[in-house]
Amino acid sequence: MGEGDRLRDYHGKRDFGRTGEPRGGGAEAGAEPRFVVQIHDARRMHFDFRLQVGDVLRSWSVPKGPSADPRDKRLAVPTEDHPLEYEEFEGVIPRGEYGGGTVIVWDHGTYEPLSHDRRGRSVGFAESLERGHATFRLHGSKLRGEYALTRFRGGDGGEEAWLLVRAAKGGAKGRGAPDPRRARSARSGRTLAQVAAEDDGG
């Protein structure tokens, strides 16, 4: 399936004459796969967790945000694939558009796929996601270390739900997600309120 096919849902939900979100098609995959975590002040405040898989960003809505504390099991609901350029997107999606509201890049960086099958053999990351369990190590400015995404509902045509959890290797301890209204962008240093005040979504 090509990028155009994988982005059909993304394109179908957006009017690019109104939103400043990237249309896609201009970015090339680098040597290491990328990840981004965006805070999205839409109808409901949430975090968007995105992992580059091939030529798109696989995406999950994480209501409480990813946590560095292994005790926190975060609900992650799959959303449509996004273009690679979305890693850089920060601004205001106009009211009335899909996902209308303010977006900041809370964290971004690269990740290492770590997925194995039950016999310990290395398998492709996309295949791991299809099977419903994938592990990876994040190298971000805020999130670092090993995480896992595990599907616990759906996957057979029904609505999917996943868990995003930090691995507890080495007795790892960490903090939970930040207060989204006080959090600052890893790209610009701005808060949601500052982006909303400076960007009219045009």
Protein backbone atom coordinates (compact mmCIF):
# COMPACT_ATOMS: atom_id res chain seq x y z
CA MET A 1 0.00 0.00 0.00
CA GLY A 2 1.50 3.34 -1.08
CA GLU A 3 1.63 6.55 0.90
CA GLY A 4 -1.30 8.00 -1.04
CA ASP A 5 -3.50 5.03 -0.13
CA ARG A 6 -2.41 5.07 3.52
CA LEU A 7 -3.22 8.80 3.76
CA ARG A 8 -6.68 8.52 2.17
CA ASP A 9 -8.48 8.85 5.53
CA TYR A 10 -6.22 11.73 6.56
CA HIS A 11 -6.92 13.65 3.33
CA GLY A 12 -10.64 12.86 3.40
CA LYS A 13 -11.10 14.51 6.80
CA ARG A 14 -9.37 17.81 5.98
CA ASP A 15 -9.92 20.90 3.85
CA PHE A 16 -6.39 22.00 3.02
CA GLY A 17 -7.73 25.34 1.84
CA ARG A 18 -8.57 26.07 5.49
CA THR A 19 -6.14 24.12 7.64
CA GLY A 20 -2.40 24.68 7.78
CA GLU A 21 -1.78 20.98 8.38
CA PRO A 22 0.64 19.39 5.89
CA ARG A 23 -0.82 17.60 2.89
CA GLY A 24 2.14 15.20 2.79
CA GLY A 25 4.20 13.74 -0.02
CA GLY A 26 7.26 15.95 0.34
CA ALA A 27 9.26 14.31 3.12
CA GLU A 28 11.64 11.41 2.76
CA ALA A 29 12.27 8.83 5.46
CA GLY A 30 15.62 9.28 7.20
CA ALA A 31 18.08 6.64 8.34
CA GLU A 32 16.35 6.25 11.71
CA PRO A 33 12.57 6.18 12.21
CA ARG A 34 11.10 9.23 13.91
CA PHE A 35 8.50 9.75 16.60
CA VAL A 36 6.55 12.77 17.77
CA VAL A 37 4.22 13.50 20.68
CA GLN A 38 1.87 16.42 20.16
CA ILE A 39 -0.48 18.03 22.65
CA HIS A 40 -3.82 18.72 20.98
CA ASP A 41 -6.29 21.09 22.63
CA ALA A 42 -9.31 20.03 20.59
CA ARG A 43 -12.85 19.19 21.74
CA ARG A 44 -11.09 17.11 24.38
CA MET A 45 -7.52 17.80 25.43
CA HIS A 46 -5.26 14.86 24.58
CA PHE A 47 -1.81 13.84 23.42
CA ASP A 48 -1.14 12.37 19.97
CA PHE A 49 1.59 9.73 19.87
CA ARG A 50 3.03 9.06 16.40
CA LEU A 51 5.64 6.56 15.21
CA GLN A 52 7.11 6.55 11.72
CA VAL A 53 6.37 3.22 10.08
CA GLY A 54 7.53 3.23 6.48
CA ASP A 55 6.45 6.45 4.78
CA VAL A 56 3.73 7.51 7.25
CA LEU A 57 3.27 8.25 10.94
CA ARG A 58 1.15 5.60 12.67
CA SER A 59 -0.90 7.51 15.21
CA TRP A 60 -2.68 7.00 18.53
CA SER A 61 -4.68 9.41 20.67
CA VAL A 62 -3.48 9.13 24.29
CA PRO A 63 -5.92 11.02 26.56
CA LYS A 64 -3.61 11.24 29.58
CA GLY A 65 -0.37 11.40 27.64
CA PRO A 66 2.61 9.03 27.63
CA SER A 67 4.20 8.48 31.03
CA ALA A 68 7.79 7.74 32.04
CA ASP A 69 6.43 5.90 35.10
CA PRO A 70 6.18 2.12 34.40
CA ARG A 71 3.20 1.89 36.77
CA ASP A 72 1.09 4.01 34.42
CA LYS A 73 -0.84 2.12 31.75
CA ARG A 74 -2.01 4.69 29.23
CA LEU A 75 -4.99 4.11 26.95
CA ALA A 76 -4.02 4.68 23.31
CA VAL A 77 -6.74 4.77 20.63
CA PRO A 78 -5.58 4.43 17.00
CA THR A 79 -6.31 7.30 14.63
CA GLU A 80 -5.62 7.67 10.91
CA ASP A 81 -2.07 7.59 9.56
CA HIS A 82 -0.47 11.03 9.18
CA PRO A 83 2.20 12.25 6.71
CA LEU A 84 5.82 12.39 7.85
CA GLU A 85 5.71 16.19 7.70
CA TYR A 86 3.23 16.18 10.58
CA GLU A 87 6.16 15.69 12.95
CA GLU A 88 6.86 19.41 12.52
CA PHE A 89 3.28 20.66 12.67
CA GLU A 90 2.45 23.20 15.33
CA GLY A 91 -0.36 25.73 15.13
CA VAL A 92 -4.11 26.20 15.23
CA ILE A 93 -6.47 23.98 13.25
CA PRO A 94 -9.48 26.22 12.44
CA ARG A 95 -12.76 25.74 14.26
CA GLY A 96 -15.12 23.60 12.21
CA GLU A 97 -12.25 21.58 10.74
CA TYR A 98 -11.59 18.01 11.84
CA GLY A 99 -9.60 18.19 15.09
CA GLY A 100 -10.10 21.94 15.35
CA GLY A 101 -7.90 23.40 18.10
CA THR A 102 -4.30 24.16 19.04
CA VAL A 103 -1.38 21.75 18.54
CA ILE A 104 2.15 21.89 19.95
CA VAL A 105 5.05 19.46 19.54
CA TRP A 106 5.70 18.32 23.11
CA ASP A 107 8.50 15.88 22.21
CA HIS A 108 10.13 14.40 19.14
CA GLY A 109 13.16 12.37 18.18
CA THR A 110 14.09 8.94 16.88
CA TYR A 111 13.22 5.45 18.05
CA GLU A 112 14.67 1.95 17.80
CA PRO A 113 12.30 -0.92 16.97
CA LEU A 114 12.89 -3.77 19.45
CA SER A 115 10.12 -6.15 18.52
CA HIS A 116 10.52 -9.92 18.71
CA ASP A 117 8.15 -12.81 18.33
CA ARG A 118 7.38 -15.26 21.15
CA ARG A 119 10.47 -17.30 20.30
CA GLY A 120 12.71 -14.27 20.64
CA ARG A 121 13.30 -13.83 16.93
CA SER A 122 13.45 -10.31 15.57
CA VAL A 123 10.43 -9.39 13.44
CA GLY A 124 9.53 -6.33 11.41
CA PHE A 125 8.04 -3.45 13.35
CA ALA A 126 4.99 -3.12 11.09
CA GLU A 127 4.39 -6.86 11.49
CA SER A 128 4.62 -6.50 15.28
CA LEU A 129 1.99 -3.78 15.23
CA GLU A 130 -0.27 -5.93 13.08
CA ARG A 131 0.09 -8.73 15.62
CA GLY A 132 -0.86 -6.31 18.39
CA HIS A 133 2.36 -5.91 20.39
CA ALA A 134 5.42 -3.82 19.59
CA THR A 135 8.34 -2.67 21.71
CA PHE A 136 10.67 0.23 20.97
CA ARG A 137 13.21 2.54 22.58
CA LEU A 138 12.55 6.27 22.38
CA HIS A 139 15.33 8.83 21.99
CA GLY A 140 13.54 12.12 22.56
CA SER A 141 14.31 15.32 24.40
CA LYS A 142 11.78 14.36 27.12
CA LEU A 143 10.89 10.71 26.59
CA ARG A 144 13.73 8.20 26.70
CA GLY A 145 13.80 4.47 27.25
CA GLU A 146 11.87 1.36 26.31
CA TYR A 147 8.12 1.42 25.73
CA ALA A 148 5.53 -1.03 24.48
CA LEU A 149 2.25 -0.67 22.62
CA THR A 150 -0.14 -3.57 23.22
CA ARG A 151 -3.58 -4.02 21.66
CA PHE A 152 -6.11 -5.28 24.19
CA ARG A 153 -9.35 -4.79 22.27
CA GLY A 154 -10.37 -4.91 18.62
CA GLY A 155 -8.16 -5.71 15.69
CA ASP A 156 -10.81 -7.84 13.98
CA GLY A 157 -12.72 -4.99 12.37
CA GLY A 158 -14.00 -3.63 15.68
CA GLU A 159 -12.83 -0.48 17.41
CA GLU A 160 -9.28 -0.93 18.63
CA ALA A 161 -7.81 0.06 21.98
CA TRP A 162 -4.16 -0.21 22.99
CA LEU A 163 -2.03 0.38 26.06
CA LEU A 164 1.16 2.47 25.97
CA VAL A 165 3.48 1.51 28.84
CA ARG A 166 7.07 2.31 29.82
CA ALA A 167 9.17 -0.79 30.49
CA ALA A 168 10.25 -1.25 34.11
CA LYS A 169 13.72 -2.54 33.24
CA GLY A 170 16.36 -1.82 35.84
CA GLY A 171 13.76 -0.59 38.31
CA ALA A 172 13.10 2.41 36.09
CA LYS A 173 11.16 5.19 37.72
CA GLY A 174 9.87 8.29 36.06
CA ARG A 175 7.29 11.00 36.13
CA GLY A 176 3.86 10.96 34.57
CA ALA A 177 2.74 13.19 31.73
CA PRO A 178 2.93 16.96 32.26
CA ASP A 179 0.07 19.37 32.79
CA PRO A 180 -0.73 19.99 29.10
CA ARG A 181 -1.67 23.65 29.66
CA ARG A 182 1.71 24.40 31.25
CA ALA A 183 3.80 22.20 28.96
CA ARG A 184 6.14 23.84 26.46
CA SER A 185 6.86 22.89 22.87
CA ALA A 186 10.08 21.02 22.15
CA ARG A 187 10.27 22.97 18.88
CA SER A 188 9.45 26.55 19.81
CA GLY A 189 9.32 26.67 23.61
CA ARG A 190 5.76 27.99 23.42
CA THR A 191 2.73 26.89 25.43
CA LEU A 192 -0.65 26.03 23.92
CA ALA A 193 -1.94 29.47 24.94
CA GLN A 194 0.97 31.23 23.26
CA VAL A 195 0.51 29.29 20.02
CA ALA A 196 -3.23 30.00 20.06
CA ALA A 197 -2.56 33.74 20.56
CA GLU A 198 0.07 33.93 17.81
CA ASP A 199 -1.42 31.65 15.14
CA ASP A 200 -4.85 32.22 13.64
CA GLY A 201 -4.76 28.85 11.84
CA GLY A 202 -4.63 30.53 8.47
